[in-house]
Every structure is written in structure tokens, then in C-alpha cells.
Amino acid sequence: MIKKIVLLTLILSSLKANAQQITVFYKEKRKPAQVSKQESVDHSEINSFVQEGLAKFKATHKPGAGKDSINLYNQKFLEEADRLFSIVKEKQEKEQLKNAPLTIPSYDYITILKVNKDTSLYYPQEKVTNDTISRIETNEAGRELVDEKINYNDSEIIYLNISQRKKISALKVYRFDFKGRNFLIEEELGDLSWKLTNETKRIDQYTCQKAILLNSDKKVEAWYTKDIEVTHGPKGYYGLPGLILELKEDKKIVRFHKIQLFSEECFEVKPPTEGEKITRQELEDLPAKLFNQY
């Protein structure tokens, strides 16, 4: 036990001395945004079925001359119409049960934070794509029924240069821009006002303290460790006296996954360069602009 404590102390001490370059992996649970497309009910097919049934009824049932006979005929005609509509409704309910809604399950979204002195780059581990699940079935009349779920994955690469007060973000925002365009935003790095608390907890082998962001529209809580002396964190958050290992942004939580304490080779943190250059305000105004176009 003593050997383990000594070894951990040596590792942490070495990490503090060599914390200029580190690679941190984070993990979060994501529930995909989904769009369901199901073919609407073909009312012409329903009307045709009922009309054919009623035509057969008229061909085999003739009203008598008397008033009572006519009333009886009309009553039976309505009963037959109700019966035909009941058959259609039952068929529709069976199809709905057979075509249960598709789901895309939640998944682990892995992101990486590379830190080199006062610069950092935060990006997805794997290229983010859109997953589509669809099912096509043919009913008795030969009409295709389509049920489709599309998982729109937004993605963001965030570069920070604290000494130059610079932030560069490369984004794809599928939830309102279905074209999947790349946007590039260059902006001045804003100041983050943190309230440091005395609340602590352990994340992996690290002792962490809780901090609350005061100047944000979102409810942001961060758990940082002074054992790793860098002022960076996931999703472009920074400014604490230690590495952010866990971040809660409203209801979404980004958790620490693993860390590479020592890099075999020095790496350079470079900002993203690809994308249509726009401002943050233009990005916020884009949904309304696209709505008017379509």
C-alpha cells in the first residue's frame, strides 16, 4: 500500500512538472436528435375499399316500395358502411403495431483535449456522421410504408490560445442546417467568472474541487484538479487553477475517461482552418434565415 502511494505521488509530481503537454479523453452519453418520416394514410385507398363494398351491397340489396322497407334498407346500408370502416380501422391498427417506432439508442461520444502550454484543441475522437435507420414494408395493396429515423450529429472543434486571447471554432450544426456545411468562427476569448467552492470529490485517482460559472446563460459546473496544473478543459471552458476533468452544462455531463500523462513526441496544437467564415451572431441568426429560404 505504501509503495502504491509513493508511486502515485511520484507520478503526480512528474505530471505537474511536465503538464505543458497532455492529452485528455472525455466521454459523454448522447441521445441522438431524431426525425421520423412515416408515409401518411392513403385516404383514396380507404375510400375505394369502402365504395367497392357499398357498390356490392347495392347490387345485392334492393329497397322495397314501402316506407318501412326503404328505412330498413337505409339502416342496413349504414350498418354495412360501419362494418367496412371497422375493417379498415382494424387493418390500420395492425399495421401500426407491426411497424413499431424505430429508435436510435444513446451512445458514448468520445472527445479529446490536447494541451500544449497555453493552447488547446478540443475535438471528437472519430469523424461525426449522420446515422439513418429506415424500414420499408409493403401492405396487401402493394403500397410501401416507410418509417425512418435520422440521427443528426452536431460537431465542434474548439481551439484556444489564452496568451493571444483567441478562440477559433469549426462547426457543423445539422439540427437546423441539413446541408451539413462547415462554419468557421474566429472570436476574442471572453473572460469566464468562476466561483470556487470547497466541495471536493475524487475522479479516478485525482482529487477535484467544484467550481460554478457565474457569467453564463447555461448552468455550468466544473470539477477541476490542481494535480494537473493546466487551465484548460472540455468544450472551450478554461480559467480554473487546474485541469477540468468533469463538466456539467445544464443537464449534459462530460466525464473524464482517461489521460496520457507523457507524450512520446512533442505535438503542436494547430487551429482549424476549413469552413465558411461567419460570426457568432450570424450563426445564431442562421435558423431564422434558413426558415425564410425554405
Protein backbone atom coordinates (compact mmCIF):
# COMPACT_ATOMS: atom_id res chain seq x y z
CA MET A 1 0.00 0.00 0.00
CA ILE A 2 2.81 2.40 0.91
CA LYS A 3 4.58 1.60 -2.36
CA LYS A 4 1.41 2.47 -4.31
CA ILE A 5 1.06 5.80 -2.52
CA VAL A 6 4.72 6.64 -3.15
CA LEU A 7 4.38 5.66 -6.83
CA LEU A 8 1.24 7.77 -7.25
CA THR A 9 2.93 10.74 -5.59
CA LEU A 10 5.89 10.44 -7.95
CA ILE A 11 3.57 10.24 -10.97
CA LEU A 12 1.59 13.29 -9.90
CA SER A 13 4.73 15.26 -9.12
CA SER A 14 6.16 14.36 -12.51
CA LEU A 15 2.86 15.26 -14.16
CA LYS A 16 2.88 18.70 -12.54
CA ALA A 17 6.37 19.28 -13.85
CA ASN A 18 5.52 18.01 -17.35
CA ALA A 19 1.95 19.22 -17.64
CA GLN A 20 2.77 21.53 -20.52
CA GLN A 21 1.73 18.80 -22.98
CA ILE A 22 -1.07 16.37 -22.17
CA THR A 23 -3.86 14.55 -23.99
CA VAL A 24 -7.15 14.01 -22.17
CA PHE A 25 -10.06 11.82 -23.30
CA TYR A 26 -13.62 12.59 -22.24
CA LYS A 27 -16.85 10.64 -22.58
CA GLU A 28 -20.46 11.71 -22.62
CA LYS A 29 -23.77 9.98 -23.23
CA ARG A 30 -25.61 11.40 -26.19
CA LYS A 31 -29.21 10.84 -27.15
CA PRO A 32 -29.50 11.50 -30.87
CA ALA A 33 -31.84 14.12 -32.20
CA GLN A 34 -34.32 12.19 -34.30
CA VAL A 35 -36.66 12.96 -37.17
CA SER A 36 -39.38 10.46 -38.00
CA LYS A 37 -40.78 10.25 -41.50
CA GLN A 38 -43.77 7.95 -41.95
CA GLU A 39 -45.90 7.88 -45.06
CA SER A 40 -49.36 9.27 -44.37
CA VAL A 41 -52.51 7.17 -44.67
CA ASP A 42 -53.71 6.79 -48.24
CA HIS A 43 -57.31 8.02 -47.94
CA SER A 44 -58.04 7.27 -51.61
CA GLU A 45 -57.30 3.60 -50.92
CA ILE A 46 -59.67 3.65 -47.94
CA ASN A 47 -62.42 5.38 -49.91
CA SER A 48 -62.02 2.94 -52.79
CA PHE A 49 -62.33 -0.06 -50.45
CA VAL A 50 -65.49 1.30 -48.82
CA GLN A 51 -67.07 2.38 -52.11
CA GLU A 52 -66.49 -1.03 -53.68
CA GLY A 53 -68.06 -2.72 -50.67
CA LEU A 54 -71.09 -0.46 -50.74
CA ALA A 55 -71.49 -0.97 -54.51
CA LYS A 56 -71.65 -4.74 -53.91
CA PHE A 57 -74.24 -4.16 -51.20
CA LYS A 58 -76.41 -2.09 -53.57
CA ALA A 59 -76.13 -4.77 -56.27
CA THR A 60 -77.43 -7.48 -53.96
CA HIS A 61 -79.92 -5.48 -51.88
CA LYS A 62 -82.90 -3.65 -53.39
CA PRO A 63 -85.24 -1.45 -51.33
CA GLY A 64 -88.93 -2.24 -51.40
CA ALA A 65 -91.68 0.14 -52.38
CA GLY A 66 -92.94 0.86 -48.87
CA LYS A 67 -91.54 3.45 -46.45
CA ASP A 68 -90.66 0.84 -43.85
CA SER A 69 -88.82 -1.17 -46.46
CA ILE A 70 -86.81 1.89 -47.53
CA ASN A 71 -85.94 2.73 -43.90
CA LEU A 72 -84.79 -0.86 -43.32
CA TYR A 73 -82.66 -0.71 -46.46
CA ASN A 74 -81.07 2.56 -45.36
CA GLN A 75 -80.35 1.15 -41.90
CA LYS A 76 -78.66 -1.94 -43.35
CA PHE A 77 -76.71 0.28 -45.76
CA LEU A 78 -75.34 2.34 -42.87
CA GLU A 79 -74.55 -0.82 -40.92
CA GLU A 80 -72.59 -2.14 -43.90
CA ALA A 81 -70.70 1.14 -44.19
CA ASP A 82 -69.80 0.97 -40.48
CA ARG A 83 -68.64 -2.62 -40.94
CA LEU A 84 -66.37 -1.68 -43.85
CA PHE A 85 -64.85 1.26 -41.94
CA SER A 86 -64.26 -1.04 -38.95
CA ILE A 87 -62.32 -3.43 -41.20
CA VAL A 88 -60.14 -0.57 -42.44
CA LYS A 89 -59.52 0.69 -38.89
CA GLU A 90 -58.55 -2.78 -37.69
CA LYS A 91 -56.08 -3.17 -40.57
CA GLN A 92 -54.53 0.21 -39.78
CA GLU A 93 -54.11 -0.67 -36.09
CA LYS A 94 -52.41 -3.97 -37.01
CA GLU A 95 -50.02 -2.12 -39.34
CA GLN A 96 -49.17 0.37 -36.60
CA LEU A 97 -48.37 -2.44 -34.18
CA LYS A 98 -46.30 -4.22 -36.81
CA ASN A 99 -44.43 -1.01 -37.67
CA ALA A 100 -43.35 -0.11 -34.12
CA PRO A 101 -41.37 3.14 -33.94
CA LEU A 102 -37.67 2.86 -34.66
CA THR A 103 -35.19 4.10 -32.10
CA ILE A 104 -31.55 5.09 -32.25
CA PRO A 105 -30.08 4.29 -28.82
CA SER A 106 -27.91 6.65 -26.84
CA TYR A 107 -24.21 6.22 -27.41
CA ASP A 108 -20.80 7.11 -25.94
CA TYR A 109 -19.40 10.23 -27.56
CA ILE A 110 -15.62 10.42 -27.06
CA THR A 111 -13.80 13.73 -27.31
CA ILE A 112 -10.13 14.64 -26.99
CA LEU A 113 -8.43 17.65 -25.44
CA LYS A 114 -4.84 18.31 -26.47
CA VAL A 115 -2.99 20.88 -24.36
CA ASN A 116 0.34 22.47 -25.22
CA LYS A 117 1.23 25.23 -22.77
CA ASP A 118 -1.36 27.99 -23.24
CA THR A 119 -3.01 26.49 -26.35
CA SER A 120 -5.54 23.68 -26.57
CA LEU A 121 -7.62 21.85 -29.16
CA TYR A 122 -10.87 20.07 -28.31
CA TYR A 123 -12.35 17.75 -30.95
CA PRO A 124 -14.31 14.48 -31.48
CA GLN A 125 -12.26 11.29 -31.45
CA GLU A 126 -13.99 10.00 -34.57
CA LYS A 127 -15.44 11.80 -37.54
CA VAL A 128 -19.05 12.64 -36.77
CA THR A 129 -21.55 11.31 -39.31
CA ASN A 130 -25.32 11.12 -39.58
CA ASP A 131 -26.85 7.69 -39.00
CA THR A 132 -30.12 6.84 -40.70
CA ILE A 133 -32.24 3.83 -39.83
CA SER A 134 -35.18 3.09 -42.07
CA ARG A 135 -37.71 0.31 -42.60
CA ILE A 136 -39.85 -0.19 -45.70
CA GLU A 137 -42.76 -2.65 -45.72
CA THR A 138 -45.38 -3.32 -48.35
CA ASN A 139 -49.04 -3.74 -47.39
CA GLU A 140 -51.56 -6.06 -49.03
CA ALA A 141 -52.45 -3.44 -51.64
CA GLY A 142 -48.80 -3.13 -52.70
CA ARG A 143 -48.25 0.34 -51.18
CA GLU A 144 -44.94 0.96 -49.42
CA LEU A 145 -44.94 2.16 -45.81
CA VAL A 146 -41.75 3.97 -44.75
CA ASP A 147 -40.53 4.61 -41.21
CA GLU A 148 -37.25 6.47 -40.88
CA LYS A 149 -35.10 7.86 -38.06
CA ILE A 150 -32.26 10.25 -38.80
CA ASN A 151 -29.60 10.92 -36.18
CA TYR A 152 -28.39 14.47 -36.70
CA ASN A 153 -24.98 14.78 -35.04
CA ASP A 154 -23.67 18.27 -34.42
CA SER A 155 -19.90 18.55 -34.11
CA GLU A 156 -17.48 21.23 -32.97
CA ILE A 157 -13.72 21.66 -32.90
CA ILE A 158 -12.54 24.36 -30.49
CA TYR A 159 -9.09 25.95 -30.47
CA LEU A 160 -7.99 28.24 -27.63
CA ASN A 161 -4.91 30.42 -27.39
CA ILE A 162 -5.02 32.02 -23.96
CA SER A 163 -1.98 34.26 -24.32
CA GLN A 164 -3.34 35.73 -27.56
CA ARG A 165 -6.94 35.81 -26.23
CA LYS A 166 -8.11 33.94 -29.32
CA LYS A 167 -10.82 31.33 -29.89
CA ILE A 168 -11.46 29.56 -33.20
CA SER A 169 -14.37 27.13 -33.63
CA ALA A 170 -15.14 24.83 -36.58
CA LEU A 171 -18.76 23.69 -36.50
CA LYS A 172 -21.35 21.58 -38.24
CA VAL A 173 -24.87 22.26 -36.97
CA TYR A 174 -27.14 19.65 -38.52
CA ARG A 175 -30.12 20.38 -36.30
CA PHE A 176 -31.02 23.36 -38.47
CA ASP A 177 -28.57 23.23 -41.38
CA PHE A 178 -29.28 19.95 -43.18
CA LYS A 179 -26.71 20.80 -45.86
CA GLY A 180 -24.00 19.92 -43.36
CA ARG A 181 -21.86 22.95 -44.13
CA ASN A 182 -18.63 23.70 -42.27
CA PHE A 183 -18.60 27.02 -40.42
CA LEU A 184 -15.52 28.73 -39.00
CA ILE A 185 -15.82 31.32 -36.24
CA GLU A 186 -12.86 33.40 -35.08
CA GLU A 187 -13.52 35.48 -31.98
CA GLU A 188 -11.90 37.06 -28.99
CA LEU A 189 -11.60 34.81 -25.98
CA GLY A 190 -14.08 36.02 -23.37
CA ASP A 191 -13.46 36.12 -19.63
CA LEU A 192 -15.06 33.39 -17.54
CA SER A 193 -16.06 34.26 -13.99
CA TRP A 194 -15.75 31.18 -11.78
CA LYS A 195 -16.86 30.75 -8.17
CA LEU A 196 -14.54 28.24 -6.46
CA THR A 197 -16.21 26.12 -3.78
CA ASN A 198 -14.82 23.91 -1.01
CA GLU A 199 -16.77 20.88 -2.28
CA THR A 200 -14.46 18.01 -3.30
CA LYS A 201 -14.67 14.54 -4.79
CA ARG A 202 -12.36 12.01 -6.38
CA ILE A 203 -12.40 11.35 -10.11
CA ASP A 204 -10.24 8.38 -10.94
CA GLN A 205 -7.10 8.94 -8.82
CA TYR A 206 -7.44 12.73 -8.77
CA THR A 207 -8.82 14.95 -6.01
CA CYS A 208 -11.12 17.50 -7.60
CA GLN A 209 -12.83 20.69 -6.47
CA LYS A 210 -16.10 22.09 -7.71
CA ALA A 211 -16.41 25.44 -9.48
CA ILE A 212 -19.55 27.23 -10.70
CA LEU A 213 -19.57 29.52 -13.73
CA LEU A 214 -21.31 32.80 -12.93
CA ASN A 215 -21.42 34.64 -16.26
CA SER A 216 -23.27 32.17 -18.47
CA ASP A 217 -26.83 31.68 -19.73
CA LYS A 218 -26.35 27.98 -19.03
CA LYS A 219 -25.94 26.33 -15.66
CA VAL A 220 -22.29 25.25 -15.74
CA GLU A 221 -20.44 23.30 -13.05
CA ALA A 222 -16.86 22.08 -13.39
CA TRP A 223 -14.74 19.67 -11.37
CA TYR A 224 -11.05 20.51 -11.69
CA THR A 225 -7.89 19.06 -10.20
CA LYS A 226 -4.86 21.01 -9.02
CA ASP A 227 -2.84 17.82 -9.51
CA ILE A 228 -2.64 18.73 -13.22
CA GLU A 229 -1.58 22.34 -13.48
CA VAL A 230 -3.17 23.44 -16.75
CA THR A 231 -6.04 25.88 -17.06
CA HIS A 232 -7.93 24.15 -19.88
CA GLY A 233 -10.98 21.90 -20.09
CA PRO A 234 -13.57 20.38 -22.45
CA LYS A 235 -15.91 22.37 -24.73
CA GLY A 236 -13.79 25.51 -24.65
CA TYR A 237 -14.04 26.12 -20.91
CA TYR A 238 -10.90 27.38 -19.20
CA GLY A 239 -9.60 29.65 -16.44
CA LEU A 240 -9.50 27.36 -13.40
CA PRO A 241 -6.36 26.59 -11.34
CA GLY A 242 -6.20 23.06 -12.71
CA LEU A 243 -7.43 20.75 -15.47
CA ILE A 244 -11.21 20.32 -15.74
CA LEU A 245 -11.96 16.59 -15.52
CA GLU A 246 -15.77 16.77 -15.43
CA LEU A 247 -18.16 19.36 -16.78
CA LYS A 248 -21.91 19.69 -16.32
CA GLU A 249 -23.61 22.04 -18.78
CA ASP A 250 -27.31 22.23 -17.90
CA LYS A 251 -28.29 18.53 -17.95
CA LYS A 252 -25.41 17.34 -20.14
CA ILE A 253 -22.33 15.88 -18.43
CA VAL A 254 -18.88 15.41 -19.96
CA ARG A 255 -16.91 12.93 -17.86
CA PHE A 256 -13.23 12.14 -17.61
CA HIS A 257 -12.29 8.97 -19.49
CA LYS A 258 -8.51 8.68 -19.49
CA ILE A 259 -5.33 10.74 -19.82
CA GLN A 260 -1.97 10.34 -21.49
CA LEU A 261 0.46 11.62 -18.93
CA PHE A 262 3.50 11.74 -21.14
CA SER A 263 3.73 12.18 -24.88
CA GLU A 264 6.43 10.24 -26.67
CA GLU A 265 6.71 13.04 -29.23
CA CYS A 266 6.04 16.72 -28.89
CA PHE A 267 2.91 17.82 -30.70
CA GLU A 268 1.81 21.18 -31.96
CA VAL A 269 -1.70 22.42 -31.34
CA LYS A 270 -2.97 24.00 -34.57
CA PRO A 271 -6.26 25.84 -35.08
CA PRO A 272 -8.88 24.56 -37.57
CA THR A 273 -8.84 26.37 -40.92
CA GLU A 274 -11.63 24.82 -43.02
CA GLY A 275 -15.11 26.25 -43.20
CA GLU A 276 -17.23 29.19 -44.25
CA LYS A 277 -16.20 32.14 -42.09
CA ILE A 278 -19.08 33.67 -40.15
CA THR A 279 -19.53 35.46 -36.84
CA ARG A 280 -21.13 34.02 -33.72
CA GLN A 281 -24.10 36.36 -34.21
CA GLU A 282 -24.54 35.21 -37.82
CA LEU A 283 -24.61 31.59 -36.61
CA GLU A 284 -27.31 32.44 -34.06
CA ASP A 285 -29.35 34.19 -36.76
CA LEU A 286 -28.94 31.34 -39.27
CA PRO A 287 -32.01 29.23 -38.27
CA ALA A 288 -34.38 32.12 -38.98
CA LYS A 289 -32.60 32.86 -42.25
CA LEU A 290 -32.84 29.26 -43.44
CA PHE A 291 -36.50 29.08 -42.40
CA ASN A 292 -37.29 32.06 -44.62
CA GLN A 293 -35.40 30.48 -47.54
CA TYR A 294 -37.33 27.23 -47.37
